[in-house]
Amino acid sequence: NSTGSGFIDNNTTLVVAGATSIAAVSSTRQKANSQSIAFGLVGVGVTKSAASSNTTTTSYLGTGVDLTGGSLSVTARGSDDNYAEAGAAAGGVVGVASAAPTTTTISNTTAEIRSSSAGRDIDLTGGSGVLRIGADHTATVNTKVKTVAGGLISGAGSSSTNNVTSNVTAAVGSDVDIRARDIAIDAANHFRKPELSAANISGTTGGLIAGAEARSTTLSSFTT
């Protein structure tokens, strides 16, 4: 798990001649690789691998902050890269090989100005008057799986799964009084599954009676 934050604390009073910038950045990368080989009269190879991340990235101007300044930027940016690979080989009179890599990506990315009250305001008219609130997350996932089974009776099963849940929020809370000349509030979710140099999934069998199955599933849930 990973947590990153940048903030100005609640009820702070600031007078800034120029720009005020609050930023939080997080970046993770996970890789899992598992291989198995089984031979015998009855050879069974079963392999699983899993790569996962659970991140929270938050940038905020706290509750009731009073700010006089030239400009304000509140940004949060996160990126998570999860890769899992699994391979299984089995041989014998009966040979069965099964491999299942899985990735799980969970992220919450937030940039916000939190709620305020009367007399506690944000005045940026003394400078450029620019207000930027931005939250951005990129989820990169991939899996690679290969199974090989040989024997008089043989079977191979390959299954890969990618699960992504990403919540990205850019917001201004209740009762916030802002005086600015140029306001932009943006939230973005990105998903990447790059092409690999070899096939993502494959299953091979050989024998008098042989069967093979390959399945790949990617599930994503984005809230922006």
C-alpha atoms as a PDB file:
ATOM      1  CA  ASN A   1       0.000   0.000   0.000  1.00  0.00           C
ATOM      2  CA  SER A   2       1.136   3.545  -0.733  1.00  0.00           C
ATOM      3  CA  THR A   3      -0.116   6.901   0.577  1.00  0.00           C
ATOM      4  CA  GLY A   4       1.073  10.339  -0.532  1.00  0.00           C
ATOM      5  CA  SER A   5      -0.264  13.761   0.366  1.00  0.00           C
ATOM      6  CA  GLY A   6       0.401  17.476   0.060  1.00  0.00           C
ATOM      7  CA  PHE A   7      -1.695  19.997   1.956  1.00  0.00           C
ATOM      8  CA  ILE A   8      -2.125  23.267   3.794  1.00  0.00           C
ATOM      9  CA  ASP A   9      -3.634  22.557   7.188  1.00  0.00           C
ATOM     10  CA  ASN A  10      -7.096  23.573   8.349  1.00  0.00           C
ATOM     11  CA  ASN A  11      -7.769  27.198   9.377  1.00  0.00           C
ATOM     12  CA  THR A  12      -4.405  28.461   8.135  1.00  0.00           C
ATOM     13  CA  THR A  13      -4.155  32.127   7.160  1.00  0.00           C
ATOM     14  CA  LEU A  14      -1.748  32.917   4.330  1.00  0.00           C
ATOM     15  CA  VAL A  15      -0.675  36.096   2.575  1.00  0.00           C
ATOM     16  CA  VAL A  16       1.533  35.161  -0.387  1.00  0.00           C
ATOM     17  CA  ALA A  17       2.987  37.708  -2.796  1.00  0.00           C
ATOM     18  CA  GLY A  18       3.204  35.229  -5.680  1.00  0.00           C
ATOM     19  CA  ALA A  19       2.113  31.683  -6.438  1.00  0.00           C
ATOM     20  CA  THR A  20       0.931  29.011  -4.003  1.00  0.00           C
ATOM     21  CA  SER A  21       1.389  25.431  -5.172  1.00  0.00           C
ATOM     22  CA  ILE A  22       0.284  22.214  -3.435  1.00  0.00           C
ATOM     23  CA  ALA A  23       1.167  18.915  -5.102  1.00  0.00           C
ATOM     24  CA  ALA A  24       1.119  15.206  -4.345  1.00  0.00           C
ATOM     25  CA  VAL A  25       2.685  12.594  -6.633  1.00  0.00           C
ATOM     26  CA  SER A  26       2.818   8.818  -6.295  1.00  0.00           C
ATOM     27  CA  SER A  27       4.238   6.157  -8.592  1.00  0.00           C
ATOM     28  CA  THR A  28       4.397   2.404  -8.021  1.00  0.00           C
ATOM     29  CA  ARG A  29       5.574  -0.573 -10.032  1.00  0.00           C
ATOM     30  CA  GLN A  30       5.025  -4.238  -9.150  1.00  0.00           C
ATOM     31  CA  LYS A  31       6.103  -7.384 -10.986  1.00  0.00           C
ATOM     32  CA  ALA A  32       5.354 -11.033 -10.207  1.00  0.00           C
ATOM     33  CA  ASN A  33       6.770 -14.088 -12.021  1.00  0.00           C
ATOM     34  CA  SER A  34       6.140 -17.749 -11.192  1.00  0.00           C
ATOM     35  CA  GLN A  35       7.116 -20.886 -13.138  1.00  0.00           C
ATOM     36  CA  SER A  36       6.621 -24.628 -12.517  1.00  0.00           C
ATOM     37  CA  ILE A  37       7.627 -27.921 -14.204  1.00  0.00           C
ATOM     38  CA  ALA A  38       6.209 -31.339 -13.311  1.00  0.00           C
ATOM     39  CA  PHE A  39       7.009 -34.756 -14.816  1.00  0.00           C
ATOM     40  CA  GLY A  40       6.060 -38.296 -13.788  1.00  0.00           C
ATOM     41  CA  LEU A  41       3.548 -41.016 -14.390  1.00  0.00           C
ATOM     42  CA  VAL A  42       0.980 -38.361 -13.631  1.00  0.00           C
ATOM     43  CA  GLY A  43       2.470 -34.893 -14.069  1.00  0.00           C
ATOM     44  CA  VAL A  44       0.501 -31.893 -12.835  1.00  0.00           C
ATOM     45  CA  GLY A  45       1.878 -28.347 -12.930  1.00  0.00           C
ATOM     46  CA  VAL A  46      -0.194 -25.569 -11.377  1.00  0.00           C
ATOM     47  CA  THR A  47       1.207 -22.024 -11.160  1.00  0.00           C
ATOM     48  CA  LYS A  48      -0.244 -18.758  -9.894  1.00  0.00           C
ATOM     49  CA  SER A  49       1.255 -15.281  -9.617  1.00  0.00           C
ATOM     50  CA  ALA A  50      -0.167 -11.968  -8.443  1.00  0.00           C
ATOM     51  CA  ALA A  51       0.914  -8.318  -8.565  1.00  0.00           C
ATOM     52  CA  SER A  52      -1.154  -5.681  -6.764  1.00  0.00           C
ATOM     53  CA  SER A  53      -1.193  -2.080  -5.584  1.00  0.00           C
ATOM     54  CA  ASN A  54      -3.445  -0.001  -3.358  1.00  0.00           C
ATOM     55  CA  THR A  55      -2.612   3.712  -3.449  1.00  0.00           C
ATOM     56  CA  THR A  56      -4.073   6.939  -2.096  1.00  0.00           C
ATOM     57  CA  THR A  57      -2.774  10.275  -3.419  1.00  0.00           C
ATOM     58  CA  THR A  58      -4.290  13.443  -1.971  1.00  0.00           C
ATOM     59  CA  SER A  59      -3.546  17.156  -2.388  1.00  0.00           C
ATOM     60  CA  TYR A  60      -5.729  19.705  -0.656  1.00  0.00           C
ATOM     61  CA  LEU A  61      -6.249  23.143   0.770  1.00  0.00           C
ATOM     62  CA  GLY A  62      -7.635  22.459   4.241  1.00  0.00           C
ATOM     63  CA  THR A  63     -10.972  23.419   5.731  1.00  0.00           C
ATOM     64  CA  GLY A  64     -11.376  27.118   6.458  1.00  0.00           C
ATOM     65  CA  VAL A  65      -8.079  28.266   4.931  1.00  0.00           C
ATOM     66  CA  ASP A  66      -7.894  32.011   4.274  1.00  0.00           C
ATOM     67  CA  LEU A  67      -5.537  32.749   1.376  1.00  0.00           C
ATOM     68  CA  THR A  68      -4.546  36.029  -0.225  1.00  0.00           C
ATOM     69  CA  GLY A  69      -2.146  35.541  -3.105  1.00  0.00           C
ATOM     70  CA  GLY A  70      -1.362  35.779  -6.783  1.00  0.00           C
ATOM     71  CA  SER A  71      -2.334  32.270  -7.932  1.00  0.00           C
ATOM     72  CA  LEU A  72      -3.126  28.825  -6.570  1.00  0.00           C
ATOM     73  CA  SER A  73      -2.408  25.324  -7.899  1.00  0.00           C
ATOM     74  CA  VAL A  74      -3.668  22.135  -6.210  1.00  0.00           C
ATOM     75  CA  THR A  75      -2.671  18.945  -8.048  1.00  0.00           C
ATOM     76  CA  ALA A  76      -2.534  15.208  -7.409  1.00  0.00           C
ATOM     77  CA  ARG A  77      -1.030  12.703  -9.813  1.00  0.00           C
ATOM     78  CA  GLY A  78      -0.724   8.945  -9.444  1.00  0.00           C
ATOM     79  CA  SER A  79       0.523   6.071 -11.586  1.00  0.00           C
ATOM     80  CA  ASP A  80       0.528   2.334 -10.904  1.00  0.00           C
ATOM     81  CA  ASP A  81       2.124  -0.345 -13.077  1.00  0.00           C
ATOM     82  CA  ASN A  82       1.277  -3.990 -12.309  1.00  0.00           C
ATOM     83  CA  TYR A  83       2.625  -6.964 -14.282  1.00  0.00           C
ATOM     84  CA  ALA A  84       2.195 -10.674 -13.563  1.00  0.00           C
ATOM     85  CA  GLU A  85       3.632 -13.635 -15.462  1.00  0.00           C
ATOM     86  CA  ALA A  86       3.097 -17.362 -14.935  1.00  0.00           C
ATOM     87  CA  GLY A  87       4.178 -20.510 -16.766  1.00  0.00           C
ATOM     88  CA  ALA A  88       3.557 -24.207 -16.216  1.00  0.00           C
ATOM     89  CA  ALA A  89       4.841 -27.330 -17.961  1.00  0.00           C
ATOM     90  CA  ALA A  90       3.808 -30.935 -17.261  1.00  0.00           C
ATOM     91  CA  GLY A  91       4.512 -34.316 -18.837  1.00  0.00           C
ATOM     92  CA  GLY A  92       3.765 -37.989 -18.188  1.00  0.00           C
ATOM     93  CA  VAL A  93       1.266 -40.638 -19.110  1.00  0.00           C
ATOM     94  CA  VAL A  94      -1.176 -38.020 -17.873  1.00  0.00           C
ATOM     95  CA  GLY A  95       0.091 -34.441 -18.133  1.00  0.00           C
ATOM     96  CA  VAL A  96      -1.879 -31.431 -16.916  1.00  0.00           C
ATOM     97  CA  ALA A  97      -0.555 -27.853 -16.821  1.00  0.00           C
ATOM     98  CA  SER A  98      -2.377 -24.799 -15.501  1.00  0.00           C
ATOM     99  CA  ALA A  99      -1.197 -21.209 -14.999  1.00  0.00           C
ATOM    100  CA  ALA A 100      -3.061 -18.113 -13.804  1.00  0.00           C
ATOM    101  CA  PRO A 101      -1.436 -14.672 -13.356  1.00  0.00           C
ATOM    102  CA  THR A 102      -3.495 -11.861 -11.794  1.00  0.00           C
ATOM    103  CA  THR A 103      -3.062  -8.117 -11.330  1.00  0.00           C
ATOM    104  CA  THR A 104      -5.107  -5.912  -9.016  1.00  0.00           C
ATOM    105  CA  THR A 105      -4.934  -2.108  -9.084  1.00  0.00           C
ATOM    106  CA  ILE A 106      -6.843   0.024  -6.565  1.00  0.00           C
ATOM    107  CA  SER A 107      -6.281   3.780  -6.453  1.00  0.00           C
ATOM    108  CA  ASN A 108      -7.828   6.959  -5.062  1.00  0.00           C
ATOM    109  CA  THR A 109      -6.495  10.262  -6.392  1.00  0.00           C
ATOM    110  CA  THR A 110      -7.913  13.553  -5.084  1.00  0.00           C
ATOM    111  CA  ALA A 111      -7.165  17.265  -5.513  1.00  0.00           C
ATOM    112  CA  GLU A 112      -9.490  19.630  -3.701  1.00  0.00           C
ATOM    113  CA  ILE A 113     -10.199  22.814  -1.849  1.00  0.00           C
ATOM    114  CA  ARG A 114     -12.110  21.736   1.239  1.00  0.00           C
ATOM    115  CA  SER A 115     -15.109  23.526   2.723  1.00  0.00           C
ATOM    116  CA  SER A 116     -14.935  26.955   4.315  1.00  0.00           C
ATOM    117  CA  SER A 117     -17.028  29.451   6.242  1.00  0.00           C
ATOM    118  CA  ALA A 118     -17.953  33.119   6.196  1.00  0.00           C
ATOM    119  CA  GLY A 119     -14.984  35.473   6.344  1.00  0.00           C
ATOM    120  CA  ARG A 120     -12.495  32.779   5.285  1.00  0.00           C
ATOM    121  CA  ASP A 121     -11.960  33.213   1.557  1.00  0.00           C
ATOM    122  CA  ILE A 122      -9.469  32.793  -1.297  1.00  0.00           C
ATOM    123  CA  ASP A 123      -8.507  36.011  -3.053  1.00  0.00           C
ATOM    124  CA  LEU A 124      -6.143  35.672  -6.026  1.00  0.00           C
ATOM    125  CA  THR A 125      -6.813  39.045  -7.616  1.00  0.00           C
ATOM    126  CA  GLY A 126      -3.510  40.475  -6.424  1.00  0.00           C
ATOM    127  CA  GLY A 127      -1.613  38.574  -9.146  1.00  0.00           C
ATOM    128  CA  SER A 128      -2.417  36.558 -12.258  1.00  0.00           C
ATOM    129  CA  GLY A 129      -5.574  35.253 -10.607  1.00  0.00           C
ATOM    130  CA  VAL A 130      -5.049  31.726 -11.907  1.00  0.00           C
ATOM    131  CA  LEU A 131      -6.630  28.825 -10.030  1.00  0.00           C
ATOM    132  CA  ARG A 132      -5.814  25.262 -11.106  1.00  0.00           C
ATOM    133  CA  ILE A 133      -7.208  22.118  -9.475  1.00  0.00           C
ATOM    134  CA  GLY A 134      -6.187  18.897 -11.198  1.00  0.00           C
ATOM    135  CA  ALA A 135      -6.269  15.172 -10.389  1.00  0.00           C
ATOM    136  CA  ASP A 136      -4.885  12.513 -12.711  1.00  0.00           C
ATOM    137  CA  HIS A 137      -4.233   8.768 -12.498  1.00  0.00           C
ATOM    138  CA  THR A 138      -2.774   6.236 -14.936  1.00  0.00           C
ATOM    139  CA  ALA A 139      -3.212   2.491 -14.461  1.00  0.00           C
ATOM    140  CA  THR A 140      -0.892   0.256 -16.499  1.00  0.00           C
ATOM    141  CA  VAL A 141      -1.514  -3.494 -16.354  1.00  0.00           C
ATOM    142  CA  ASN A 142      -0.382  -6.610 -18.182  1.00  0.00           C
ATOM    143  CA  THR A 143      -0.157 -10.354 -17.826  1.00  0.00           C
ATOM    144  CA  LYS A 144       1.678 -13.119 -19.645  1.00  0.00           C
ATOM    145  CA  VAL A 145       0.885 -16.808 -19.304  1.00  0.00           C
ATOM    146  CA  LYS A 146       2.079 -19.965 -21.057  1.00  0.00           C
ATOM    147  CA  THR A 147       1.260 -23.613 -20.405  1.00  0.00           C
ATOM    148  CA  VAL A 148       2.645 -26.748 -22.090  1.00  0.00           C
ATOM    149  CA  ALA A 149       1.415 -30.271 -21.380  1.00  0.00           C
ATOM    150  CA  GLY A 150       2.392 -33.563 -23.036  1.00  0.00           C
ATOM    151  CA  GLY A 151       1.421 -37.191 -22.468  1.00  0.00           C
ATOM    152  CA  LEU A 152      -0.878 -39.958 -23.544  1.00  0.00           C
ATOM    153  CA  ILE A 153      -3.624 -37.848 -22.007  1.00  0.00           C
ATOM    154  CA  SER A 154      -2.820 -34.170 -21.689  1.00  0.00           C
ATOM    155  CA  GLY A 155      -4.524 -30.885 -20.912  1.00  0.00           C
ATOM    156  CA  ALA A 156      -3.423 -27.256 -20.624  1.00  0.00           C
ATOM    157  CA  GLY A 157      -5.278 -24.308 -19.153  1.00  0.00           C
ATOM    158  CA  SER A 158      -4.194 -20.665 -19.277  1.00  0.00           C
ATOM    159  CA  SER A 159      -6.128 -17.903 -17.548  1.00  0.00           C
ATOM    160  CA  SER A 160      -5.124 -14.291 -16.878  1.00  0.00           C
ATOM    161  CA  THR A 161      -7.045 -11.570 -15.040  1.00  0.00           C
ATOM    162  CA  ASN A 162      -6.564  -7.820 -14.615  1.00  0.00           C
ATOM    163  CA  ASN A 163      -8.716  -5.904 -12.118  1.00  0.00           C
ATOM    164  CA  VAL A 164      -8.599  -2.094 -11.998  1.00  0.00           C
ATOM    165  CA  THR A 165     -10.558   0.234  -9.702  1.00  0.00           C
ATOM    166  CA  SER A 166      -9.609   3.915  -9.920  1.00  0.00           C
ATOM    167  CA  ASN A 167     -11.344   6.909  -8.346  1.00  0.00           C
ATOM    168  CA  VAL A 168     -10.188  10.375  -9.409  1.00  0.00           C
ATOM    169  CA  THR A 169     -11.672  13.556  -7.908  1.00  0.00           C
ATOM    170  CA  ALA A 170     -11.061  17.273  -8.435  1.00  0.00           C
ATOM    171  CA  ALA A 171     -13.379  19.366  -6.311  1.00  0.00           C
ATOM    172  CA  VAL A 172     -14.235  22.517  -4.391  1.00  0.00           C
ATOM    173  CA  GLY A 173     -16.063  22.050  -1.083  1.00  0.00           C
ATOM    174  CA  SER A 174     -19.109  23.844   0.251  1.00  0.00           C
ATOM    175  CA  ASP A 175     -19.209  27.551   1.235  1.00  0.00           C
ATOM    176  CA  VAL A 176     -15.864  28.361  -0.395  1.00  0.00           C
ATOM    177  CA  ASP A 177     -15.600  31.985  -1.567  1.00  0.00           C
ATOM    178  CA  ILE A 178     -13.056  32.292  -4.432  1.00  0.00           C
ATOM    179  CA  ARG A 179     -12.066  35.429  -6.269  1.00  0.00           C
ATOM    180  CA  ALA A 180      -9.976  34.611  -9.348  1.00  0.00           C
ATOM    181  CA  ARG A 181      -9.545  35.577 -12.989  1.00  0.00           C
ATOM    182  CA  ASP A 182      -8.915  32.173 -14.577  1.00  0.00           C
ATOM    183  CA  ILE A 183     -10.247  28.908 -13.094  1.00  0.00           C
ATOM    184  CA  ALA A 184      -9.672  25.368 -14.391  1.00  0.00           C
ATOM    185  CA  ILE A 185     -10.743  22.168 -12.592  1.00  0.00           C
ATOM    186  CA  ASP A 186      -9.821  18.860 -14.238  1.00  0.00           C
ATOM    187  CA  ALA A 187      -9.982  15.154 -13.338  1.00  0.00           C
ATOM    188  CA  ALA A 188      -8.747  12.348 -15.594  1.00  0.00           C
ATOM    189  CA  ASN A 189      -8.473   8.553 -15.521  1.00  0.00           C
ATOM    190  CA  HIS A 190      -6.131   6.711 -17.914  1.00  0.00           C
ATOM    191  CA  PHE A 191      -5.800   3.004 -18.653  1.00  0.00           C
ATOM    192  CA  ARG A 192      -2.899   1.313 -20.467  1.00  0.00           C
ATOM    193  CA  LYS A 193      -2.316  -2.292 -21.481  1.00  0.00           C
ATOM    194  CA  PRO A 194       0.740  -2.169 -23.754  1.00  0.00           C
ATOM    195  CA  GLU A 195       1.423  -4.759 -26.416  1.00  0.00           C
ATOM    196  CA  LEU A 196       4.028  -7.335 -25.381  1.00  0.00           C
ATOM    197  CA  SER A 197       6.758  -8.736 -27.609  1.00  0.00           C
ATOM    198  CA  ALA A 198       5.209 -12.220 -27.202  1.00  0.00           C
ATOM    199  CA  ALA A 199       1.631 -13.451 -26.896  1.00  0.00           C
ATOM    200  CA  ASN A 200      -0.151 -12.531 -23.671  1.00  0.00           C
ATOM    201  CA  ILE A 201      -1.655 -15.988 -23.318  1.00  0.00           C
ATOM    202  CA  SER A 202      -1.062 -19.436 -24.802  1.00  0.00           C
ATOM    203  CA  GLY A 203      -1.764 -23.099 -24.040  1.00  0.00           C
ATOM    204  CA  THR A 204      -0.220 -26.073 -25.860  1.00  0.00           C
ATOM    205  CA  THR A 205      -0.888 -29.799 -25.516  1.00  0.00           C
ATOM    206  CA  GLY A 206       0.253 -32.962 -27.272  1.00  0.00           C
ATOM    207  CA  GLY A 207      -0.930 -36.576 -26.855  1.00  0.00           C
ATOM    208  CA  LEU A 208      -3.399 -39.201 -27.952  1.00  0.00           C
ATOM    209  CA  ILE A 209      -6.110 -37.296 -26.069  1.00  0.00           C
ATOM    210  CA  ALA A 210      -5.393 -33.602 -25.699  1.00  0.00           C
ATOM    211  CA  GLY A 211      -7.264 -30.427 -24.819  1.00  0.00           C
ATOM    212  CA  ALA A 212      -6.308 -26.796 -24.238  1.00  0.00           C
ATOM    213  CA  GLU A 213      -8.082 -23.685 -23.026  1.00  0.00           C
ATOM    214  CA  ALA A 214      -6.957 -20.045 -22.864  1.00  0.00           C
ATOM    215  CA  ARG A 215      -8.856 -17.155 -21.314  1.00  0.00           C
ATOM    216  CA  SER A 216      -7.976 -13.519 -20.631  1.00  0.00           C
ATOM    217  CA  THR A 217     -10.144 -11.083 -18.631  1.00  0.00           C
ATOM    218  CA  THR A 218      -9.699  -7.388 -17.892  1.00  0.00           C
ATOM    219  CA  LEU A 219     -12.188  -5.633 -15.604  1.00  0.00           C
ATOM    220  CA  SER A 220     -12.046  -1.885 -14.995  1.00  0.00           C
ATOM    221  CA  SER A 221     -14.113   0.450 -12.830  1.00  0.00           C
ATOM    222  CA  PHE A 222     -13.408   4.190 -13.169  1.00  0.00           C
ATOM    223  CA  THR A 223     -15.036   7.000 -11.226  1.00  0.00           C
ATOM    224  CA  THR A 224     -14.065  10.508 -12.313  1.00  0.00           C
END
